[in-house]
PDB file of all heavy atoms in Angstrom:
ATOM      1  N   GLN A   1      36.806 -47.279  56.758  1.00  0.00           N
ATOM      2  CA  GLN A   1      37.453 -46.434  55.723  1.00  0.00           C
ATOM      3  C   GLN A   1      38.141 -47.315  54.592  1.00  0.00           C
ATOM      4  O   GLN A   1      38.022 -46.835  53.396  1.00  0.00           O
ATOM      5  CB  GLN A   1      38.681 -45.770  56.450  1.00  0.00           C
ATOM      6  CG  GLN A   1      38.213 -44.725  57.375  1.00  0.00           C
ATOM      7  CD  GLN A   1      39.309 -44.262  58.380  1.00  0.00           C
ATOM      8  OE1 GLN A   1      40.335 -44.722  58.332  1.00  0.00           O
ATOM      9  NE2 GLN A   1      38.995 -43.291  59.318  1.00  0.00           N
ATOM     10  N   SER A   2      38.587 -48.472  54.853  1.00  0.00           N
ATOM     11  CA  SER A   2      39.021 -49.363  53.806  1.00  0.00           C
ATOM     12  C   SER A   2      38.000 -49.698  52.828  1.00  0.00           C
ATOM     13  O   SER A   2      38.083 -49.648  51.625  1.00  0.00           O
ATOM     14  CB  SER A   2      39.725 -50.552  54.367  1.00  0.00           C
ATOM     15  OG  SER A   2      40.813 -50.188  55.169  1.00  0.00           O
ATOM     16  N   LEU A   3      36.793 -50.053  53.369  1.00  0.00           N
ATOM     17  CA  LEU A   3      35.606 -50.492  52.491  1.00  0.00           C
ATOM     18  C   LEU A   3      35.210 -49.218  51.552  1.00  0.00           C
ATOM     19  O   LEU A   3      34.804 -49.404  50.414  1.00  0.00           O
ATOM     20  CB  LEU A   3      34.499 -50.977  53.418  1.00  0.00           C
ATOM     21  CG  LEU A   3      33.280 -51.420  52.661  1.00  0.00           C
ATOM     22  CD1 LEU A   3      33.630 -52.551  51.819  1.00  0.00           C
ATOM     23  CD2 LEU A   3      32.308 -51.755  53.648  1.00  0.00           C
ATOM     24  N   ALA A   4      35.110 -48.014  52.279  1.00  0.00           N
ATOM     25  CA  ALA A   4      34.732 -46.797  51.472  1.00  0.00           C
ATOM     26  C   ALA A   4      35.649 -46.594  50.228  1.00  0.00           C
ATOM     27  O   ALA A   4      35.287 -46.331  49.227  1.00  0.00           O
ATOM     28  CB  ALA A   4      34.706 -45.530  52.519  1.00  0.00           C
ATOM     29  N   GLN A   5      36.992 -46.863  50.541  1.00  0.00           N
ATOM     30  CA  GLN A   5      37.922 -46.569  49.456  1.00  0.00           C
ATOM     31  C   GLN A   5      37.857 -47.605  48.434  1.00  0.00           C
ATOM     32  O   GLN A   5      37.987 -47.418  47.242  1.00  0.00           O
ATOM     33  CB  GLN A   5      39.308 -46.480  50.133  1.00  0.00           C
ATOM     34  CG  GLN A   5      39.450 -45.139  50.823  1.00  0.00           C
ATOM     35  CD  GLN A   5      40.795 -45.017  51.391  1.00  0.00           C
ATOM     36  OE1 GLN A   5      41.735 -45.805  51.177  1.00  0.00           O
ATOM     37  NE2 GLN A   5      41.042 -43.779  52.093  1.00  0.00           N
ATOM     38  N   LEU A   6      37.465 -48.852  48.854  1.00  0.00           N
ATOM     39  CA  LEU A   6      37.324 -50.008  47.904  1.00  0.00           C
ATOM     40  C   LEU A   6      36.166 -49.671  47.012  1.00  0.00           C
ATOM     41  O   LEU A   6      36.292 -49.831  45.727  1.00  0.00           O
ATOM     42  CB  LEU A   6      37.135 -51.276  48.588  1.00  0.00           C
ATOM     43  CG  LEU A   6      36.901 -52.540  47.741  1.00  0.00           C
ATOM     44  CD1 LEU A   6      38.141 -52.727  46.869  1.00  0.00           C
ATOM     45  CD2 LEU A   6      36.782 -53.706  48.682  1.00  0.00           C
ATOM     46  N   CYS A   7      35.069 -49.204  47.546  1.00  0.00           N
ATOM     47  CA  CYS A   7      33.839 -48.878  46.815  1.00  0.00           C
ATOM     48  C   CYS A   7      34.178 -47.830  45.814  1.00  0.00           C
ATOM     49  O   CYS A   7      33.763 -47.735  44.702  1.00  0.00           O
ATOM     50  CB  CYS A   7      32.762 -48.486  47.655  1.00  0.00           C
ATOM     51  SG  CYS A   7      32.099 -49.844  48.587  1.00  0.00           S
ATOM     52  N   GLN A   8      35.013 -46.707  46.289  1.00  0.00           N
ATOM     53  CA  GLN A   8      35.272 -45.638  45.280  1.00  0.00           C
ATOM     54  C   GLN A   8      36.243 -46.172  44.156  1.00  0.00           C
ATOM     55  O   GLN A   8      35.876 -45.750  42.991  1.00  0.00           O
ATOM     56  CB  GLN A   8      36.303 -44.638  46.039  1.00  0.00           C
ATOM     57  CG  GLN A   8      35.401 -43.789  47.179  1.00  0.00           C
ATOM     58  CD  GLN A   8      36.259 -43.072  48.022  1.00  0.00           C
ATOM     59  OE1 GLN A   8      37.406 -42.939  47.762  1.00  0.00           O
ATOM     60  NE2 GLN A   8      35.822 -42.804  49.138  1.00  0.00           N
ATOM     61  N   THR A   9      37.087 -47.058  44.385  1.00  0.00           N
ATOM     62  CA  THR A   9      37.810 -47.733  43.343  1.00  0.00           C
ATOM     63  C   THR A   9      37.019 -48.383  42.356  1.00  0.00           C
ATOM     64  O   THR A   9      37.161 -48.327  41.141  1.00  0.00           O
ATOM     65  CB  THR A   9      38.775 -48.724  43.960  1.00  0.00           C
ATOM     66  OG1 THR A   9      39.677 -47.997  44.782  1.00  0.00           O
ATOM     67  CG2 THR A   9      39.801 -49.250  42.898  1.00  0.00           C
ATOM     68  N   PHE A  10      35.895 -49.212  42.818  1.00  0.00           N
ATOM     69  CA  PHE A  10      35.081 -50.003  41.801  1.00  0.00           C
ATOM     70  C   PHE A  10      34.176 -48.940  41.048  1.00  0.00           C
ATOM     71  O   PHE A  10      34.146 -49.097  39.929  1.00  0.00           O
ATOM     72  CB  PHE A  10      34.121 -50.862  42.742  1.00  0.00           C
ATOM     73  CG  PHE A  10      34.761 -52.064  43.156  1.00  0.00           C
ATOM     74  CD1 PHE A  10      34.455 -52.571  44.367  1.00  0.00           C
ATOM     75  CD2 PHE A  10      35.724 -52.837  42.452  1.00  0.00           C
ATOM     76  CE1 PHE A  10      35.105 -53.752  44.896  1.00  0.00           C
ATOM     77  CE2 PHE A  10      36.341 -53.962  42.917  1.00  0.00           C
ATOM     78  CZ  PHE A  10      35.959 -54.441  44.107  1.00  0.00           C
ATOM     79  N   ILE A  11      33.780 -47.846  41.659  1.00  0.00           N
ATOM     80  CA  ILE A  11      32.949 -46.894  41.019  1.00  0.00           C
ATOM     81  C   ILE A  11      33.877 -46.288  39.842  1.00  0.00           C
ATOM     82  O   ILE A  11      33.471 -46.113  38.751  1.00  0.00           O
ATOM     83  CB  ILE A  11      32.368 -45.774  41.885  1.00  0.00           C
ATOM     84  CG1 ILE A  11      31.364 -46.405  42.823  1.00  0.00           C
ATOM     85  CG2 ILE A  11      31.829 -44.780  41.178  1.00  0.00           C
ATOM     86  CD1 ILE A  11      30.117 -46.948  42.182  1.00  0.00           C
ATOM     87  N   PHE A  12      35.084 -45.891  40.229  1.00  0.00           N
ATOM     88  CA  PHE A  12      35.966 -45.197  39.441  1.00  0.00           C
ATOM     89  C   PHE A  12      36.318 -46.144  38.179  1.00  0.00           C
ATOM     90  O   PHE A  12      36.190 -45.779  36.917  1.00  0.00           O
ATOM     91  CB  PHE A  12      37.174 -44.792  40.143  1.00  0.00           C
ATOM     92  CG  PHE A  12      38.288 -44.078  39.256  1.00  0.00           C
ATOM     93  CD1 PHE A  12      38.020 -42.808  38.708  1.00  0.00           C
ATOM     94  CD2 PHE A  12      39.375 -44.873  38.815  1.00  0.00           C
ATOM     95  CE1 PHE A  12      38.988 -42.237  37.878  1.00  0.00           C
ATOM     96  CE2 PHE A  12      40.236 -44.224  37.901  1.00  0.00           C
ATOM     97  CZ  PHE A  12      40.082 -42.900  37.561  1.00  0.00           C
ATOM     98  N   ASN A  13      36.580 -47.390  38.542  1.00  0.00           N
ATOM     99  CA  ASN A  13      37.015 -48.362  37.392  1.00  0.00           C
ATOM    100  C   ASN A  13      35.813 -48.601  36.367  1.00  0.00           C
ATOM    101  O   ASN A  13      36.001 -48.798  35.223  1.00  0.00           O
ATOM    102  CB  ASN A  13      37.584 -49.673  38.038  1.00  0.00           C
ATOM    103  CG  ASN A  13      39.017 -49.567  38.441  1.00  0.00           C
ATOM    104  OD1 ASN A  13      39.815 -48.911  37.737  1.00  0.00           O
ATOM    105  ND2 ASN A  13      39.301 -50.109  39.570  1.00  0.00           N
ATOM    106  N   GLY A  14      34.635 -48.762  36.995  1.00  0.00           N
ATOM    107  CA  GLY A  14      33.453 -48.925  36.276  1.00  0.00           C
ATOM    108  C   GLY A  14      33.230 -47.788  35.429  1.00  0.00           C
ATOM    109  O   GLY A  14      32.839 -48.034  34.146  1.00  0.00           O
ATOM    110  N   PHE A  15      33.538 -46.613  35.720  1.00  0.00           N
ATOM    111  CA  PHE A  15      33.261 -45.385  34.955  1.00  0.00           C
ATOM    112  C   PHE A  15      34.355 -45.395  33.726  1.00  0.00           C
ATOM    113  O   PHE A  15      33.944 -45.278  32.567  1.00  0.00           O
ATOM    114  CB  PHE A  15      33.476 -44.119  35.677  1.00  0.00           C
ATOM    115  CG  PHE A  15      33.414 -42.868  34.876  1.00  0.00           C
ATOM    116  CD1 PHE A  15      32.175 -42.496  34.225  1.00  0.00           C
ATOM    117  CD2 PHE A  15      34.441 -42.053  34.703  1.00  0.00           C
ATOM    118  CE1 PHE A  15      32.141 -41.404  33.411  1.00  0.00           C
ATOM    119  CE2 PHE A  15      34.441 -40.952  33.855  1.00  0.00           C
ATOM    120  CZ  PHE A  15      33.270 -40.558  33.249  1.00  0.00           C
ATOM    121  N   ILE A  16      35.495 -45.700  34.052  1.00  0.00           N
ATOM    122  CA  ILE A  16      36.557 -45.770  32.943  1.00  0.00           C
ATOM    123  C   ILE A  16      36.101 -46.766  32.023  1.00  0.00           C
ATOM    124  O   ILE A  16      36.306 -46.631  30.742  1.00  0.00           O
ATOM    125  CB  ILE A  16      37.879 -46.086  33.632  1.00  0.00           C
ATOM    126  CG1 ILE A  16      38.334 -44.862  34.529  1.00  0.00           C
ATOM    127  CG2 ILE A  16      38.920 -46.246  32.492  1.00  0.00           C
ATOM    128  CD1 ILE A  16      38.458 -43.564  33.759  1.00  0.00           C
ATOM    129  N   ALA A  17      35.593 -48.004  32.332  1.00  0.00           N
ATOM    130  CA  ALA A  17      35.326 -49.060  31.416  1.00  0.00           C
ATOM    131  C   ALA A  17      34.126 -48.582  30.635  1.00  0.00           C
ATOM    132  O   ALA A  17      34.179 -48.844  29.331  1.00  0.00           O
ATOM    133  CB  ALA A  17      34.869 -50.199  32.264  1.00  0.00           C
ATOM    134  N   MET A  18      33.076 -47.891  31.207  1.00  0.00           N
ATOM    135  CA  MET A  18      31.847 -47.352  30.466  1.00  0.00           C
ATOM    136  C   MET A  18      32.405 -46.456  29.424  1.00  0.00           C
ATOM    137  O   MET A  18      31.884 -46.291  28.234  1.00  0.00           O
ATOM    138  CB  MET A  18      30.986 -46.846  31.290  1.00  0.00           C
ATOM    139  CG  MET A  18      30.074 -47.904  31.961  1.00  0.00           C
ATOM    140  SD  MET A  18      28.667 -47.215  32.852  1.00  0.00           S
ATOM    141  CE  MET A  18      29.404 -46.094  34.057  1.00  0.00           C
ATOM    142  N   LEU A  19      33.319 -45.533  29.831  1.00  0.00           N
ATOM    143  CA  LEU A  19      33.871 -44.436  28.920  1.00  0.00           C
ATOM    144  C   LEU A  19      34.638 -45.012  27.760  1.00  0.00           C
ATOM    145  O   LEU A  19      34.409 -44.583  26.638  1.00  0.00           O
ATOM    146  CB  LEU A  19      34.651 -43.540  29.778  1.00  0.00           C
ATOM    147  CG  LEU A  19      35.058 -42.165  29.051  1.00  0.00           C
ATOM    148  CD1 LEU A  19      33.930 -41.334  28.746  1.00  0.00           C
ATOM    149  CD2 LEU A  19      36.051 -41.382  29.997  1.00  0.00           C
ATOM    150  N   THR A  20      35.357 -46.109  28.163  1.00  0.00           N
ATOM    151  CA  THR A  20      36.143 -46.765  26.976  1.00  0.00           C
ATOM    152  C   THR A  20      35.224 -47.453  26.114  1.00  0.00           C
ATOM    153  O   THR A  20      35.330 -47.241  24.748  1.00  0.00           O
ATOM    154  CB  THR A  20      37.013 -47.903  27.596  1.00  0.00           C
ATOM    155  OG1 THR A  20      37.889 -47.232  28.652  1.00  0.00           O
ATOM    156  CG2 THR A  20      37.822 -48.638  26.631  1.00  0.00           C
ATOM    157  N   ASP A  21      34.129 -48.049  26.540  1.00  0.00           N
ATOM    158  CA  ASP A  21      33.039 -48.586  25.676  1.00  0.00           C
ATOM    159  C   ASP A  21      32.547 -47.602  24.756  1.00  0.00           C
ATOM    160  O   ASP A  21      32.253 -47.884  23.601  1.00  0.00           O
ATOM    161  CB  ASP A  21      32.008 -49.261  26.401  1.00  0.00           C
ATOM    162  CG  ASP A  21      32.542 -50.581  27.174  1.00  0.00           C
ATOM    163  OD1 ASP A  21      33.567 -51.179  26.807  1.00  0.00           O
ATOM    164  OD2 ASP A  21      31.753 -50.966  28.127  1.00  0.00           O
ATOM    165  N   ASP A  22      32.119 -46.455  25.249  1.00  0.00           N
ATOM    166  CA  ASP A  22      31.554 -45.308  24.646  1.00  0.00           C
ATOM    167  C   ASP A  22      32.507 -44.901  23.450  1.00  0.00           C
ATOM    168  O   ASP A  22      32.051 -44.761  22.232  1.00  0.00           O
ATOM    169  CB  ASP A  22      31.241 -44.208  25.323  1.00  0.00           C
ATOM    170  CG  ASP A  22      29.920 -44.404  26.221  1.00  0.00           C
ATOM    171  OD1 ASP A  22      29.260 -45.407  26.053  1.00  0.00           O
ATOM    172  OD2 ASP A  22      29.754 -43.593  27.250  1.00  0.00           O
ATOM    173  N   TYR A  23      33.832 -44.753  23.673  1.00  0.00           N
ATOM    174  CA  TYR A  23      34.743 -44.312  22.660  1.00  0.00           C
ATOM    175  C   TYR A  23      34.835 -45.260  21.544  1.00  0.00           C
ATOM    176  O   TYR A  23      34.830 -45.106  20.349  1.00  0.00           O
ATOM    177  CB  TYR A  23      36.076 -44.076  23.210  1.00  0.00           C
ATOM    178  CG  TYR A  23      36.126 -42.639  23.811  1.00  0.00           C
ATOM    179  CD1 TYR A  23      36.419 -42.521  25.159  1.00  0.00           C
ATOM    180  CD2 TYR A  23      35.853 -41.430  23.058  1.00  0.00           C
ATOM    181  CE1 TYR A  23      36.465 -41.214  25.767  1.00  0.00           C
ATOM    182  CE2 TYR A  23      35.919 -40.228  23.657  1.00  0.00           C
ATOM    183  CZ  TYR A  23      36.261 -40.145  25.045  1.00  0.00           C
ATOM    184  OH  TYR A  23      36.273 -38.893  25.593  1.00  0.00           O
ATOM    185  N   PHE A  24      34.905 -46.616  21.970  1.00  0.00           N
ATOM    186  CA  PHE A  24      34.901 -47.670  20.919  1.00  0.00           C
ATOM    187  C   PHE A  24      33.696 -47.769  20.031  1.00  0.00           C
ATOM    188  O   PHE A  24      33.701 -47.995  18.809  1.00  0.00           O
ATOM    189  CB  PHE A  24      35.362 -49.065  21.462  1.00  0.00           C
ATOM    190  CG  PHE A  24      36.734 -49.228  21.860  1.00  0.00           C
ATOM    191  CD1 PHE A  24      37.143 -49.303  23.043  1.00  0.00           C
ATOM    192  CD2 PHE A  24      37.633 -49.095  20.742  1.00  0.00           C
ATOM    193  CE1 PHE A  24      38.547 -49.515  23.368  1.00  0.00           C
ATOM    194  CE2 PHE A  24      39.031 -49.185  20.977  1.00  0.00           C
ATOM    195  CZ  PHE A  24      39.516 -49.352  22.335  1.00  0.00           C
ATOM    196  N   GLN A  25      32.480 -47.621  20.654  1.00  0.00           N
ATOM    197  CA  GLN A  25      31.294 -47.481  19.987  1.00  0.00           C
ATOM    198  C   GLN A  25      31.163 -46.277  18.963  1.00  0.00           C
ATOM    199  O   GLN A  25      30.787 -46.410  17.801  1.00  0.00           O
ATOM    200  CB  GLN A  25      30.065 -47.390  20.946  1.00  0.00           C
ATOM    201  CG  GLN A  25      28.693 -47.389  20.280  1.00  0.00           C
ATOM    202  CD  GLN A  25      27.604 -47.452  21.223  1.00  0.00           C
ATOM    203  OE1 GLN A  25      27.706 -47.247  22.317  1.00  0.00           O
ATOM    204  NE2 GLN A  25      26.420 -47.501  20.617  1.00  0.00           N
ATOM    205  N   LEU A  26      31.808 -45.208  19.407  1.00  0.00           N
ATOM    206  CA  LEU A  26      31.944 -44.116  18.352  1.00  0.00           C
ATOM    207  C   LEU A  26      32.710 -44.421  17.256  1.00  0.00           C
ATOM    208  O   LEU A  26      32.492 -43.953  16.089  1.00  0.00           O
ATOM    209  CB  LEU A  26      32.530 -42.741  19.131  1.00  0.00           C
ATOM    210  CG  LEU A  26      31.558 -41.843  19.940  1.00  0.00           C
ATOM    211  CD1 LEU A  26      32.364 -40.873  20.787  1.00  0.00           C
ATOM    212  CD2 LEU A  26      30.585 -41.365  18.995  1.00  0.00           C
ATOM    213  N   LEU A  27      33.887 -45.116  17.472  1.00  0.00           N
ATOM    214  CA  LEU A  27      34.755 -45.465  16.374  1.00  0.00           C
ATOM    215  C   LEU A  27      34.041 -46.518  15.408  1.00  0.00           C
ATOM    216  O   LEU A  27      34.198 -46.451  14.137  1.00  0.00           O
ATOM    217  CB  LEU A  27      36.041 -46.276  16.925  1.00  0.00           C
ATOM    218  CG  LEU A  27      36.986 -45.311  17.601  1.00  0.00           C
ATOM    219  CD1 LEU A  27      38.046 -46.080  18.208  1.00  0.00           C
ATOM    220  CD2 LEU A  27      37.612 -44.295  16.443  1.00  0.00           C
ATOM    221  N   ARG A  28      33.148 -47.239  15.949  1.00  0.00           N
ATOM    222  CA  ARG A  28      32.427 -48.276  15.125  1.00  0.00           C
ATOM    223  C   ARG A  28      31.185 -47.754  14.488  1.00  0.00           C
ATOM    224  O   ARG A  28      30.740 -48.170  13.484  1.00  0.00           O
ATOM    225  CB  ARG A  28      31.980 -49.500  15.965  1.00  0.00           C
ATOM    226  CG  ARG A  28      33.265 -50.396  16.308  1.00  0.00           C
ATOM    227  CD  ARG A  28      32.649 -51.693  17.044  1.00  0.00           C
ATOM    228  NE  ARG A  28      31.945 -51.408  18.267  1.00  0.00           N
ATOM    229  CZ  ARG A  28      32.534 -51.390  19.517  1.00  0.00           C
ATOM    230  NH1 ARG A  28      33.710 -51.502  19.685  1.00  0.00           N
ATOM    231  NH2 ARG A  28      31.739 -51.147  20.663  1.00  0.00           N
ATOM    232  N   GLU A  29      30.467 -46.791  15.092  1.00  0.00           N
ATOM    233  CA  GLU A  29      29.324 -46.182  14.676  1.00  0.00           C
ATOM    234  C   GLU A  29      29.243 -44.647  14.753  1.00  0.00           C
ATOM    235  O   GLU A  29      28.450 -44.106  15.583  1.00  0.00           O
ATOM    236  CB  GLU A  29      28.142 -46.679  15.594  1.00  0.00           C
ATOM    237  CG  GLU A  29      28.010 -48.314  15.667  1.00  0.00           C
ATOM    238  CD  GLU A  29      27.042 -48.764  16.726  1.00  0.00           C
ATOM    239  OE1 GLU A  29      25.916 -47.960  16.839  1.00  0.00           O
ATOM    240  OE2 GLU A  29      27.262 -49.778  17.413  1.00  0.00           O
ATOM    241  N   PRO A  30      30.052 -44.065  13.969  1.00  0.00           N
ATOM    242  CA  PRO A  30      30.152 -42.682  14.119  1.00  0.00           C
ATOM    243  C   PRO A  30      28.849 -41.900  13.759  1.00  0.00           C
ATOM    244  O   PRO A  30      28.623 -40.698  14.143  1.00  0.00           O
ATOM    245  CB  PRO A  30      31.257 -42.249  12.980  1.00  0.00           C
ATOM    246  CG  PRO A  30      31.386 -43.407  12.127  1.00  0.00           C
ATOM    247  CD  PRO A  30      30.903 -44.576  12.900  1.00  0.00           C
ATOM    248  N   GLU A  31      27.908 -42.531  13.035  1.00  0.00           N
ATOM    249  CA  GLU A  31      26.582 -42.006  12.749  1.00  0.00           C
ATOM    250  C   GLU A  31      25.688 -41.781  13.982  1.00  0.00           C
ATOM    251  O   GLU A  31      24.843 -41.070  14.059  1.00  0.00           O
ATOM    252  CB  GLU A  31      25.796 -42.771  11.624  1.00  0.00           C
ATOM    253  CG  GLU A  31      25.249 -44.119  12.042  1.00  0.00           C
ATOM    254  CD  GLU A  31      26.470 -45.124  12.017  1.00  0.00           C
ATOM    255  OE1 GLU A  31      27.633 -44.935  11.546  1.00  0.00           O
ATOM    256  OE2 GLU A  31      26.202 -46.331  12.395  1.00  0.00           O
ATOM    257  N   GLN A  32      25.988 -42.504  15.017  1.00  0.00           N
ATOM    258  CA  GLN A  32      25.332 -42.483  16.421  1.00  0.00           C
ATOM    259  C   GLN A  32      26.022 -41.454  17.345  1.00  0.00           C
ATOM    260  O   GLN A  32      25.679 -41.581  18.433  1.00  0.00           O
ATOM    261  CB  GLN A  32      25.323 -43.902  16.910  1.00  0.00           C
ATOM    262  CG  GLN A  32      24.528 -44.889  16.135  1.00  0.00           C
ATOM    263  CD  GLN A  32      23.072 -44.473  16.046  1.00  0.00           C
ATOM    264  OE1 GLN A  32      22.471 -44.125  16.938  1.00  0.00           O
ATOM    265  NE2 GLN A  32      22.572 -44.743  14.762  1.00  0.00           N
ATOM    266  N   ALA A  33      26.882 -40.650  16.829  1.00  0.00           N
ATOM    267  CA  ALA A  33      27.644 -39.719  17.790  1.00  0.00           C
ATOM    268  C   ALA A  33      26.864 -38.893  18.805  1.00  0.00           C
ATOM    269  O   ALA A  33      27.245 -38.812  19.942  1.00  0.00           O
ATOM    270  CB  ALA A  33      28.557 -38.767  16.865  1.00  0.00           C
ATOM    271  N   GLY A  34      25.674 -38.300  18.183  1.00  0.00           N
ATOM    272  CA  GLY A  34      24.844 -37.594  19.159  1.00  0.00           C
ATOM    273  C   GLY A  34      24.316 -38.240  20.296  1.00  0.00           C
ATOM    274  O   GLY A  34      24.314 -37.901  21.493  1.00  0.00           O
ATOM    275  N   GLU A  35      23.829 -39.433  19.991  1.00  0.00           N
ATOM    276  CA  GLU A  35      23.066 -40.312  21.027  1.00  0.00           C
ATOM    277  C   GLU A  35      24.227 -40.775  21.891  1.00  0.00           C
ATOM    278  O   GLU A  35      23.973 -40.840  23.116  1.00  0.00           O
ATOM    279  CB  GLU A  35      22.435 -41.512  20.358  1.00  0.00           C
ATOM    280  CG  GLU A  35      21.609 -42.394  21.296  1.00  0.00           C
ATOM    281  CD  GLU A  35      20.989 -43.519  20.580  1.00  0.00           C
ATOM    282  OE1 GLU A  35      20.565 -43.389  19.440  1.00  0.00           O
ATOM    283  OE2 GLU A  35      20.867 -44.506  21.296  1.00  0.00           O
ATOM    284  N   ILE A  36      25.297 -41.215  21.492  1.00  0.00           N
ATOM    285  CA  ILE A  36      26.341 -41.749  22.334  1.00  0.00           C
ATOM    286  C   ILE A  36      26.890 -40.674  23.200  1.00  0.00           C
ATOM    287  O   ILE A  36      27.249 -40.884  24.303  1.00  0.00           O
ATOM    288  CB  ILE A  36      27.603 -42.335  21.457  1.00  0.00           C
ATOM    289  CG1 ILE A  36      27.011 -43.557  20.771  1.00  0.00           C
ATOM    290  CG2 ILE A  36      28.733 -42.652  22.345  1.00  0.00           C
ATOM    291  CD1 ILE A  36      27.892 -44.165  19.596  1.00  0.00           C
ATOM    292  N   ALA A  37      27.035 -39.493  22.660  1.00  0.00           N
ATOM    293  CA  ALA A  37      27.538 -38.307  23.533  1.00  0.00           C
ATOM    294  C   ALA A  37      26.532 -37.989  24.658  1.00  0.00           C
ATOM    295  O   ALA A  37      26.967 -37.742  25.851  1.00  0.00           O
ATOM    296  CB  ALA A  37      27.697 -37.099  22.556  1.00  0.00           C
ATOM    297  N   ARG A  38      25.208 -37.985  24.259  1.00  0.00           N
ATOM    298  CA  ARG A  38      24.163 -37.730  25.296  1.00  0.00           C
ATOM    299  C   ARG A  38      24.211 -38.744  26.381  1.00  0.00           C
ATOM    300  O   ARG A  38      24.278 -38.406  27.602  1.00  0.00           O
ATOM    301  CB  ARG A  38      22.840 -37.594  24.692  1.00  0.00           C
ATOM    302  CG  ARG A  38      22.495 -36.230  24.037  1.00  0.00           C
ATOM    303  CD  ARG A  38      21.070 -36.265  23.665  1.00  0.00           C
ATOM    304  NE  ARG A  38      20.700 -37.179  22.563  1.00  0.00           N
ATOM    305  CZ  ARG A  38      21.013 -37.022  21.197  1.00  0.00           C
ATOM    306  NH1 ARG A  38      21.622 -35.832  20.905  1.00  0.00           N
ATOM    307  NH2 ARG A  38      20.714 -37.824  20.333  1.00  0.00           N
ATOM    308  N   GLU A  39      24.384 -39.987  26.002  1.00  0.00           N
ATOM    309  CA  GLU A  39      24.477 -41.043  26.990  1.00  0.00           C
ATOM    310  C   GLU A  39      25.759 -40.999  27.793  1.00  0.00           C
ATOM    311  O   GLU A  39      25.747 -41.185  29.119  1.00  0.00           O
ATOM    312  CB  GLU A  39      24.461 -42.501  26.365  1.00  0.00           C
ATOM    313  CG  GLU A  39      24.497 -43.658  27.290  1.00  0.00           C
ATOM    314  CD  GLU A  39      23.465 -43.790  28.346  1.00  0.00           C
ATOM    315  OE1 GLU A  39      22.317 -43.213  28.036  1.00  0.00           O
ATOM    316  OE2 GLU A  39      23.778 -44.401  29.431  1.00  0.00           O
ATOM    317  N   GLY A  40      26.787 -40.609  27.156  1.00  0.00           N
ATOM    318  CA  GLY A  40      28.178 -40.297  27.797  1.00  0.00           C
ATOM    319  C   GLY A  40      28.088 -39.242  28.901  1.00  0.00           C
ATOM    320  O   GLY A  40      28.554 -39.398  29.945  1.00  0.00           O
TER     321      GLY A  40
END
């Protein structure tokens, strides 16, 4: 159970990090919004 919850935490944190990256990419490259949104 502890291992399962640890894995969930890693998956959740990884998703937040990727989402943060996508938002910063949107700020830097607004012309790529459609592609970034699809990938998001």
